[in-house]
Amino acid sequence: AEAPCADADDVLEAFPHGIDLVVDAA
């Protein structure tokens, strides 16, 4: 990626496996 994840949707798209919990905030 050229930029970091900005929200929960970005995180789950970038890392569909391995993360247990994701904070869904602004």
mmCIF file of all heavy atoms, coordinates in Angstrom:
data_MODEL
# 
_entry.id   MODEL 
# 
loop_
_atom_site.group_PDB 
_atom_site.id 
_atom_site.type_symbol 
_atom_site.label_atom_id 
_atom_site.label_alt_id 
_atom_site.label_comp_id 
_atom_site.label_asym_id 
_atom_site.label_entity_id 
_atom_site.label_seq_id 
_atom_site.pdbx_PDB_ins_code 
_atom_site.Cartn_x 
_atom_site.Cartn_y 
_atom_site.Cartn_z 
_atom_site.occupancy 
_atom_site.B_iso_or_equiv 
_atom_site.pdbx_formal_charge 
_atom_site.auth_seq_id 
_atom_site.auth_comp_id 
_atom_site.auth_asym_id 
_atom_site.auth_atom_id 
_atom_site.pdbx_PDB_model_num 
ATOM 1   N N   . ALA A 1 1  ? 0.824   -1.212  0.000  1.00 0.00 ? 1  ALA A N   1 
ATOM 2   C CA  . ALA A 1 1  ? 0.000   0.000   0.000  1.00 0.00 ? 1  ALA A CA  1 
ATOM 3   C C   . ALA A 1 1  ? 0.855   1.257   0.000  1.00 0.00 ? 1  ALA A C   1 
ATOM 4   O O   . ALA A 1 1  ? 1.999   1.265   0.459  1.00 0.00 ? 1  ALA A O   1 
ATOM 5   C CB  . ALA A 1 1  ? -0.923  0.001   1.219  1.00 0.00 ? 1  ALA A CB  1 
ATOM 6   N N   . GLU A 1 2  ? 0.276   2.346   -0.519 1.00 0.00 ? 2  GLU A N   1 
ATOM 7   C CA  . GLU A 1 2  ? 0.957   3.630   -0.530 1.00 0.00 ? 2  GLU A CA  1 
ATOM 8   C C   . GLU A 1 2  ? 0.587   4.494   0.660  1.00 0.00 ? 2  GLU A C   1 
ATOM 9   O O   . GLU A 1 2  ? 1.259   5.488   0.941  1.00 0.00 ? 2  GLU A O   1 
ATOM 10  C CB  . GLU A 1 2  ? 0.637   4.376   -1.827 1.00 0.00 ? 2  GLU A CB  1 
ATOM 11  C CG  . GLU A 1 2  ? 1.150   3.671   -3.084 1.00 0.00 ? 2  GLU A CG  1 
ATOM 12  C CD  . GLU A 1 2  ? 0.870   4.453   -4.348 1.00 0.00 ? 2  GLU A CD  1 
ATOM 13  O OE1 . GLU A 1 2  ? 0.232   5.523   -4.245 1.00 0.00 ? 2  GLU A OE1 1 
ATOM 14  O OE2 . GLU A 1 2  ? 1.282   3.998   -5.429 1.00 0.00 ? 2  GLU A OE2 1 
ATOM 15  N N   . ALA A 1 3  ? -0.489  4.129   1.361  1.00 0.00 ? 3  ALA A N   1 
ATOM 16  C CA  . ALA A 1 3  ? -0.946  4.911   2.512  1.00 0.00 ? 3  ALA A CA  1 
ATOM 17  C C   . ALA A 1 3  ? -1.489  3.965   3.574  1.00 0.00 ? 3  ALA A C   1 
ATOM 18  O O   . ALA A 1 3  ? -1.928  2.853   3.265  1.00 0.00 ? 3  ALA A O   1 
ATOM 19  C CB  . ALA A 1 3  ? -2.026  5.903   2.090  1.00 0.00 ? 3  ALA A CB  1 
ATOM 20  N N   . PRO A 1 4  ? -1.457  4.385   4.825  1.00 0.00 ? 4  PRO A N   1 
ATOM 21  C CA  . PRO A 1 4  ? -1.964  3.531   5.904  1.00 0.00 ? 4  PRO A CA  1 
ATOM 22  C C   . PRO A 1 4  ? -3.485  3.460   5.917  1.00 0.00 ? 4  PRO A C   1 
ATOM 23  O O   . PRO A 1 4  ? -4.168  4.270   5.284  1.00 0.00 ? 4  PRO A O   1 
ATOM 24  C CB  . PRO A 1 4  ? -1.433  4.217   7.171  1.00 0.00 ? 4  PRO A CB  1 
ATOM 25  C CG  . PRO A 1 4  ? -1.282  5.645   6.784  1.00 0.00 ? 4  PRO A CG  1 
ATOM 26  C CD  . PRO A 1 4  ? -0.888  5.641   5.338  1.00 0.00 ? 4  PRO A CD  1 
ATOM 27  N N   . CYS A 1 5  ? -4.016  2.496   6.659  1.00 0.00 ? 5  CYS A N   1 
ATOM 28  C CA  . CYS A 1 5  ? -5.460  2.343   6.794  1.00 0.00 ? 5  CYS A CA  1 
ATOM 29  C C   . CYS A 1 5  ? -6.032  3.508   7.600  1.00 0.00 ? 5  CYS A C   1 
ATOM 30  O O   . CYS A 1 5  ? -5.479  3.887   8.633  1.00 0.00 ? 5  CYS A O   1 
ATOM 31  C CB  . CYS A 1 5  ? -5.785  1.026   7.503  1.00 0.00 ? 5  CYS A CB  1 
ATOM 32  S SG  . CYS A 1 5  ? -5.232  -0.438  6.605  1.00 0.00 ? 5  CYS A SG  1 
ATOM 33  N N   . ALA A 1 6  ? -7.151  4.038   7.113  1.00 0.00 ? 6  ALA A N   1 
ATOM 34  C CA  . ALA A 1 6  ? -7.759  5.201   7.766  1.00 0.00 ? 6  ALA A CA  1 
ATOM 35  C C   . ALA A 1 6  ? -8.959  4.832   8.624  1.00 0.00 ? 6  ALA A C   1 
ATOM 36  O O   . ALA A 1 6  ? -9.343  5.607   9.494  1.00 0.00 ? 6  ALA A O   1 
ATOM 37  C CB  . ALA A 1 6  ? -8.174  6.237   6.732  1.00 0.00 ? 6  ALA A CB  1 
ATOM 38  N N   . ASP A 1 7  ? -9.566  3.656   8.387  1.00 0.00 ? 7  ASP A N   1 
ATOM 39  C CA  . ASP A 1 7  ? -10.721 3.259   9.193  1.00 0.00 ? 7  ASP A CA  1 
ATOM 40  C C   . ASP A 1 7  ? -10.809 1.739   9.269  1.00 0.00 ? 7  ASP A C   1 
ATOM 41  O O   . ASP A 1 7  ? -9.967  1.021   8.706  1.00 0.00 ? 7  ASP A O   1 
ATOM 42  C CB  . ASP A 1 7  ? -12.015 3.876   8.651  1.00 0.00 ? 7  ASP A CB  1 
ATOM 43  C CG  . ASP A 1 7  ? -12.324 3.472   7.218  1.00 0.00 ? 7  ASP A CG  1 
ATOM 44  O OD1 . ASP A 1 7  ? -11.784 2.454   6.741  1.00 0.00 ? 7  ASP A OD1 1 
ATOM 45  O OD2 . ASP A 1 7  ? -13.120 4.169   6.556  1.00 0.00 ? 7  ASP A OD2 1 
ATOM 46  N N   . ALA A 1 8  ? -11.834 1.258   9.964  1.00 0.00 ? 8  ALA A N   1 
ATOM 47  C CA  . ALA A 1 8  ? -11.980 -0.184  10.170 1.00 0.00 ? 8  ALA A CA  1 
ATOM 48  C C   . ALA A 1 8  ? -12.150 -0.935  8.855  1.00 0.00 ? 8  ALA A C   1 
ATOM 49  O O   . ALA A 1 8  ? -11.618 -2.044  8.686  1.00 0.00 ? 8  ALA A O   1 
ATOM 50  C CB  . ALA A 1 8  ? -13.153 -0.449  11.104 1.00 0.00 ? 8  ALA A CB  1 
ATOM 51  N N   . ASP A 1 9  ? -12.893 -0.361  7.905  1.00 0.00 ? 9  ASP A N   1 
ATOM 52  C CA  . ASP A 1 9  ? -13.084 -1.018  6.614  1.00 0.00 ? 9  ASP A CA  1 
ATOM 53  C C   . ASP A 1 9  ? -11.756 -1.196  5.892  1.00 0.00 ? 9  ASP A C   1 
ATOM 54  O O   . ASP A 1 9  ? -11.493 -2.257  5.295  1.00 0.00 ? 9  ASP A O   1 
ATOM 55  C CB  . ASP A 1 9  ? -14.051 -0.212  5.742  1.00 0.00 ? 9  ASP A CB  1 
ATOM 56  C CG  . ASP A 1 9  ? -15.483 -0.271  6.246  1.00 0.00 ? 9  ASP A CG  1 
ATOM 57  O OD1 . ASP A 1 9  ? -15.833 -1.241  6.941  1.00 0.00 ? 9  ASP A OD1 1 
ATOM 58  O OD2 . ASP A 1 9  ? -16.248 0.663   5.939  1.00 0.00 ? 9  ASP A OD2 1 
ATOM 59  N N   . ASP A 1 10 ? -10.920 -0.171  5.917  1.00 0.00 ? 10 ASP A N   1 
ATOM 60  C CA  . ASP A 1 10 ? -9.590  -0.263  5.304  1.00 0.00 ? 10 ASP A CA  1 
ATOM 61  C C   . ASP A 1 10 ? -8.775  -1.390  5.937  1.00 0.00 ? 10 ASP A C   1 
ATOM 62  O O   . ASP A 1 10 ? -8.095  -2.153  5.240  1.00 0.00 ? 10 ASP A O   1 
ATOM 63  C CB  . ASP A 1 10 ? -8.824  1.051   5.475  1.00 0.00 ? 10 ASP A CB  1 
ATOM 64  C CG  . ASP A 1 10 ? -9.345  2.176   4.611  1.00 0.00 ? 10 ASP A CG  1 
ATOM 65  O OD1 . ASP A 1 10 ? -10.192 1.921   3.731  1.00 0.00 ? 10 ASP A OD1 1 
ATOM 66  O OD2 . ASP A 1 10 ? -8.897  3.321   4.815  1.00 0.00 ? 10 ASP A OD2 1 
ATOM 67  N N   . VAL A 1 11 ? -8.837  -1.485  7.262  1.00 0.00 ? 11 VAL A N   1 
ATOM 68  C CA  . VAL A 1 11 ? -8.063  -2.506  7.986  1.00 0.00 ? 11 VAL A CA  1 
ATOM 69  C C   . VAL A 1 11 ? -8.498  -3.902  7.564  1.00 0.00 ? 11 VAL A C   1 
ATOM 70  O O   . VAL A 1 11 ? -7.661  -4.774  7.263  1.00 0.00 ? 11 VAL A O   1 
ATOM 71  C CB  . VAL A 1 11 ? -8.227  -2.338  9.512  1.00 0.00 ? 11 VAL A CB  1 
ATOM 72  C CG1 . VAL A 1 11 ? -7.611  -3.521  10.245 1.00 0.00 ? 11 VAL A CG1 1 
ATOM 73  C CG2 . VAL A 1 11 ? -7.591  -1.037  9.970  1.00 0.00 ? 11 VAL A CG2 1 
ATOM 74  N N   . LEU A 1 12 ? -9.811  -4.144  7.524  1.00 0.00 ? 12 LEU A N   1 
ATOM 75  C CA  . LEU A 1 12 ? -10.310 -5.478  7.201  1.00 0.00 ? 12 LEU A CA  1 
ATOM 76  C C   . LEU A 1 12 ? -10.053 -5.840  5.742  1.00 0.00 ? 12 LEU A C   1 
ATOM 77  O O   . LEU A 1 12 ? -9.877  -7.018  5.417  1.00 0.00 ? 12 LEU A O   1 
ATOM 78  C CB  . LEU A 1 12 ? -11.797 -5.552  7.524  1.00 0.00 ? 12 LEU A CB  1 
ATOM 79  C CG  . LEU A 1 12 ? -12.131 -5.446  9.013  1.00 0.00 ? 12 LEU A CG  1 
ATOM 80  C CD1 . LEU A 1 12 ? -13.629 -5.398  9.232  1.00 0.00 ? 12 LEU A CD1 1 
ATOM 81  C CD2 . LEU A 1 12 ? -11.515 -6.611  9.781  1.00 0.00 ? 12 LEU A CD2 1 
ATOM 82  N N   . GLU A 1 13 ? -10.010 -4.845  4.883  1.00 0.00 ? 13 GLU A N   1 
ATOM 83  C CA  . GLU A 1 13 ? -9.668  -5.114  3.483  1.00 0.00 ? 13 GLU A CA  1 
ATOM 84  C C   . GLU A 1 13 ? -8.179  -5.436  3.336  1.00 0.00 ? 13 GLU A C   1 
ATOM 85  O O   . GLU A 1 13 ? -7.802  -6.341  2.585  1.00 0.00 ? 13 GLU A O   1 
ATOM 86  C CB  . GLU A 1 13 ? -10.024 -3.911  2.614  1.00 0.00 ? 13 GLU A CB  1 
ATOM 87  C CG  . GLU A 1 13 ? -9.730  -4.121  1.132  1.00 0.00 ? 13 GLU A CG  1 
ATOM 88  C CD  . GLU A 1 13 ? -10.138 -2.938  0.271  1.00 0.00 ? 13 GLU A CD  1 
ATOM 89  O OE1 . GLU A 1 13 ? -10.772 -2.002  0.798  1.00 0.00 ? 13 GLU A OE1 1 
ATOM 90  O OE2 . GLU A 1 13 ? -9.816  -2.956  -0.932 1.00 0.00 ? 13 GLU A OE2 1 
ATOM 91  N N   . ALA A 1 14 ? -7.345  -4.708  4.059  1.00 0.00 ? 14 ALA A N   1 
ATOM 92  C CA  . ALA A 1 14 ? -5.898  -4.910  3.965  1.00 0.00 ? 14 ALA A CA  1 
ATOM 93  C C   . ALA A 1 14 ? -5.452  -6.186  4.665  1.00 0.00 ? 14 ALA A C   1 
ATOM 94  O O   . ALA A 1 14 ? -4.508  -6.854  4.221  1.00 0.00 ? 14 ALA A O   1 
ATOM 95  C CB  . ALA A 1 14 ? -5.164  -3.710  4.558  1.00 0.00 ? 14 ALA A CB  1 
ATOM 96  N N   . PHE A 1 15 ? -6.136  -6.520  5.778  1.00 0.00 ? 15 PHE A N   1 
ATOM 97  C CA  . PHE A 1 15 ? -5.737  -7.672  6.582  1.00 0.00 ? 15 PHE A CA  1 
ATOM 98  C C   . PHE A 1 15 ? -6.961  -8.547  6.884  1.00 0.00 ? 15 PHE A C   1 
ATOM 99  O O   . PHE A 1 15 ? -7.519  -8.488  7.990  1.00 0.00 ? 15 PHE A O   1 
ATOM 100 C CB  . PHE A 1 15 ? -5.092  -7.209  7.895  1.00 0.00 ? 15 PHE A CB  1 
ATOM 101 C CG  . PHE A 1 15 ? -3.916  -6.294  7.708  1.00 0.00 ? 15 PHE A CG  1 
ATOM 102 C CD1 . PHE A 1 15 ? -4.059  -4.915  7.878  1.00 0.00 ? 15 PHE A CD1 1 
ATOM 103 C CD2 . PHE A 1 15 ? -2.680  -6.786  7.345  1.00 0.00 ? 15 PHE A CD2 1 
ATOM 104 C CE1 . PHE A 1 15 ? -2.979  -4.065  7.707  1.00 0.00 ? 15 PHE A CE1 1 
ATOM 105 C CE2 . PHE A 1 15 ? -1.599  -5.942  7.161  1.00 0.00 ? 15 PHE A CE2 1 
ATOM 106 C CZ  . PHE A 1 15 ? -1.740  -4.583  7.344  1.00 0.00 ? 15 PHE A CZ  1 
ATOM 107 N N   . PRO A 1 16 ? -7.406  -9.333  5.911  1.00 0.00 ? 16 PRO A N   1 
ATOM 108 C CA  . PRO A 1 16 ? -8.597  -10.157 6.123  1.00 0.00 ? 16 PRO A CA  1 
ATOM 109 C C   . PRO A 1 16 ? -8.385  -11.275 7.134  1.00 0.00 ? 16 PRO A C   1 
ATOM 110 O O   . PRO A 1 16 ? -9.353  -11.846 7.637  1.00 0.00 ? 16 PRO A O   1 
ATOM 111 C CB  . PRO A 1 16 ? -8.886  -10.722 4.725  1.00 0.00 ? 16 PRO A CB  1 
ATOM 112 C CG  . PRO A 1 16 ? -7.581  -10.665 4.006  1.00 0.00 ? 16 PRO A CG  1 
ATOM 113 C CD  . PRO A 1 16 ? -6.875  -9.460  4.548  1.00 0.00 ? 16 PRO A CD  1 
ATOM 114 N N   . HIS A 1 17 ? -7.136  -11.587 7.432  1.00 0.00 ? 17 HIS A N   1 
ATOM 115 C CA  . HIS A 1 17 ? -6.824  -12.641 8.392  1.00 0.00 ? 17 HIS A CA  1 
ATOM 116 C C   . HIS A 1 17 ? -5.773  -12.141 9.390  1.00 0.00 ? 17 HIS A C   1 
ATOM 117 O O   . HIS A 1 17 ? -4.951  -11.292 9.063  1.00 0.00 ? 17 HIS A O   1 
ATOM 118 C CB  . HIS A 1 17 ? -6.292  -13.886 7.673  1.00 0.00 ? 17 HIS A CB  1 
ATOM 119 C CG  . HIS A 1 17 ? -7.200  -14.379 6.583  1.00 0.00 ? 17 HIS A CG  1 
ATOM 120 N ND1 . HIS A 1 17 ? -8.407  -14.988 6.821  1.00 0.00 ? 17 HIS A ND1 1 
ATOM 121 C CD2 . HIS A 1 17 ? -7.067  -14.319 5.229  1.00 0.00 ? 17 HIS A CD2 1 
ATOM 122 C CE1 . HIS A 1 17 ? -8.979  -15.301 5.685  1.00 0.00 ? 17 HIS A CE1 1 
ATOM 123 N NE2 . HIS A 1 17 ? -8.192  -14.901 4.693  1.00 0.00 ? 17 HIS A NE2 1 
ATOM 124 N N   . GLY A 1 18 ? -5.833  -12.677 10.593 1.00 0.00 ? 18 GLY A N   1 
ATOM 125 C CA  . GLY A 1 18 ? -4.791  -12.394 11.584 1.00 0.00 ? 18 GLY A CA  1 
ATOM 126 C C   . GLY A 1 18 ? -5.220  -11.477 12.703 1.00 0.00 ? 18 GLY A C   1 
ATOM 127 O O   . GLY A 1 18 ? -4.699  -11.573 13.813 1.00 0.00 ? 18 GLY A O   1 
ATOM 128 N N   . ILE A 1 19 ? -6.143  -10.551 12.442 1.00 0.00 ? 19 ILE A N   1 
ATOM 129 C CA  . ILE A 1 19 ? -6.616  -9.628  13.474 1.00 0.00 ? 19 ILE A CA  1 
ATOM 130 C C   . ILE A 1 19 ? -7.809  -10.254 14.200 1.00 0.00 ? 19 ILE A C   1 
ATOM 131 O O   . ILE A 1 19 ? -8.691  -10.851 13.572 1.00 0.00 ? 19 ILE A O   1 
ATOM 132 C CB  . ILE A 1 19 ? -7.028  -8.277  12.857 1.00 0.00 ? 19 ILE A CB  1 
ATOM 133 C CG1 . ILE A 1 19 ? -5.822  -7.617  12.173 1.00 0.00 ? 19 ILE A CG1 1 
ATOM 134 C CG2 . ILE A 1 19 ? -7.584  -7.343  13.924 1.00 0.00 ? 19 ILE A CG2 1 
ATOM 135 C CD1 . ILE A 1 19 ? -6.182  -6.390  11.369 1.00 0.00 ? 19 ILE A CD1 1 
ATOM 136 N N   . ASP A 1 20 ? -7.836  -10.118 15.514 1.00 0.00 ? 20 ASP A N   1 
ATOM 137 C CA  . ASP A 1 20 ? -8.930  -10.688 16.306 1.00 0.00 ? 20 ASP A CA  1 
ATOM 138 C C   . ASP A 1 20 ? -10.057 -9.695  16.546 1.00 0.00 ? 20 ASP A C   1 
ATOM 139 O O   . ASP A 1 20 ? -11.229 -10.038 16.428 1.00 0.00 ? 20 ASP A O   1 
ATOM 140 C CB  . ASP A 1 20 ? -8.371  -11.193 17.645 1.00 0.00 ? 20 ASP A CB  1 
ATOM 141 C CG  . ASP A 1 20 ? -7.364  -12.313 17.449 1.00 0.00 ? 20 ASP A CG  1 
ATOM 142 O OD1 . ASP A 1 20 ? -7.788  -13.415 17.092 1.00 0.00 ? 20 ASP A OD1 1 
ATOM 143 O OD2 . ASP A 1 20 ? -6.154  -12.056 17.614 1.00 0.00 ? 20 ASP A OD2 1 
ATOM 144 N N   . LEU A 1 21 ? -9.709  -8.452  16.890 1.00 0.00 ? 21 LEU A N   1 
ATOM 145 C CA  . LEU A 1 21 ? -10.707 -7.416  17.161 1.00 0.00 ? 21 LEU A CA  1 
ATOM 146 C C   . LEU A 1 21 ? -10.301 -6.132  16.452 1.00 0.00 ? 21 LEU A C   1 
ATOM 147 O O   . LEU A 1 21 ? -9.114  -5.793  16.414 1.00 0.00 ? 21 LEU A O   1 
ATOM 148 C CB  . LEU A 1 21 ? -10.830 -7.134  18.664 1.00 0.00 ? 21 LEU A CB  1 
ATOM 149 C CG  . LEU A 1 21 ? -11.312 -8.271  19.573 1.00 0.00 ? 21 LEU A CG  1 
ATOM 150 C CD1 . LEU A 1 21 ? -11.266 -7.818  21.030 1.00 0.00 ? 21 LEU A CD1 1 
ATOM 151 C CD2 . LEU A 1 21 ? -12.717 -8.707  19.210 1.00 0.00 ? 21 LEU A CD2 1 
ATOM 152 N N   . VAL A 1 22 ? -11.281 -5.419  15.925 1.00 0.00 ? 22 VAL A N   1 
ATOM 153 C CA  . VAL A 1 22 ? -11.000 -4.122  15.318 1.00 0.00 ? 22 VAL A CA  1 
ATOM 154 C C   . VAL A 1 22 ? -11.974 -3.095  15.874 1.00 0.00 ? 22 VAL A C   1 
ATOM 155 O O   . VAL A 1 22 ? -13.177 -3.337  15.940 1.00 0.00 ? 22 VAL A O   1 
ATOM 156 C CB  . VAL A 1 22 ? -11.070 -4.168  13.776 1.00 0.00 ? 22 VAL A CB  1 
ATOM 157 C CG1 . VAL A 1 22 ? -12.428 -4.628  13.290 1.00 0.00 ? 22 VAL A CG1 1 
ATOM 158 C CG2 . VAL A 1 22 ? -10.710 -2.813  13.169 1.00 0.00 ? 22 VAL A CG2 1 
ATOM 159 N N   . VAL A 1 23 ? -11.437 -1.975  16.311 1.00 0.00 ? 23 VAL A N   1 
ATOM 160 C CA  . VAL A 1 23 ? -12.254 -0.867  16.798 1.00 0.00 ? 23 VAL A CA  1 
ATOM 161 C C   . VAL A 1 23 ? -12.868 -0.161  15.598 1.00 0.00 ? 23 VAL A C   1 
ATOM 162 O O   . VAL A 1 23 ? -12.154 0.279   14.694 1.00 0.00 ? 23 VAL A O   1 
ATOM 163 C CB  . VAL A 1 23 ? -11.400 0.124   17.619 1.00 0.00 ? 23 VAL A CB  1 
ATOM 164 C CG1 . VAL A 1 23 ? -12.213 1.363   17.960 1.00 0.00 ? 23 VAL A CG1 1 
ATOM 165 C CG2 . VAL A 1 23 ? -10.884 -0.547  18.883 1.00 0.00 ? 23 VAL A CG2 1 
ATOM 166 N N   . ASP A 1 24 ? -14.176 -0.063  15.589 1.00 0.00 ? 24 ASP A N   1 
ATOM 167 C CA  . ASP A 1 24 ? -14.888 0.616   14.498 1.00 0.00 ? 24 ASP A CA  1 
ATOM 168 C C   . ASP A 1 24 ? -15.326 1.977   15.025 1.00 0.00 ? 24 ASP A C   1 
ATOM 169 O O   . ASP A 1 24 ? -16.339 2.114   15.712 1.00 0.00 ? 24 ASP A O   1 
ATOM 170 C CB  . ASP A 1 24 ? -16.091 -0.216  14.058 1.00 0.00 ? 24 ASP A CB  1 
ATOM 171 C CG  . ASP A 1 24 ? -16.680 0.285   12.742 1.00 0.00 ? 24 ASP A CG  1 
ATOM 172 O OD1 . ASP A 1 24 ? -16.376 1.427   12.362 1.00 0.00 ? 24 ASP A OD1 1 
ATOM 173 O OD2 . ASP A 1 24 ? -17.447 -0.465  12.114 1.00 0.00 ? 24 ASP A OD2 1 
ATOM 174 N N   . ALA A 1 25 ? -14.532 2.982   14.728 1.00 0.00 ? 25 ALA A N   1 
ATOM 175 C CA  . ALA A 1 25 ? -14.794 4.340   15.197 1.00 0.00 ? 25 ALA A CA  1 
ATOM 176 C C   . ALA A 1 25 ? -14.702 5.290   14.007 1.00 0.00 ? 25 ALA A C   1 
ATOM 177 O O   . ALA A 1 25 ? -14.724 4.867   12.858 1.00 0.00 ? 25 ALA A O   1 
ATOM 178 C CB  . ALA A 1 25 ? -13.802 4.724   16.291 1.00 0.00 ? 25 ALA A CB  1 
ATOM 179 N N   . ALA A 1 26 ? -14.589 6.558   14.266 1.00 0.00 ? 26 ALA A N   1 
ATOM 180 C CA  . ALA A 1 26 ? -14.540 7.548   13.191 1.00 0.00 ? 26 ALA A CA  1 
ATOM 181 C C   . ALA A 1 26 ? -13.307 7.354   12.311 1.00 0.00 ? 26 ALA A C   1 
ATOM 182 O O   . ALA A 1 26 ? -12.274 6.840   12.757 1.00 0.00 ? 26 ALA A O   1 
ATOM 183 C CB  . ALA A 1 26 ? -14.536 8.953   13.783 1.00 0.00 ? 26 ALA A CB  1 
# 
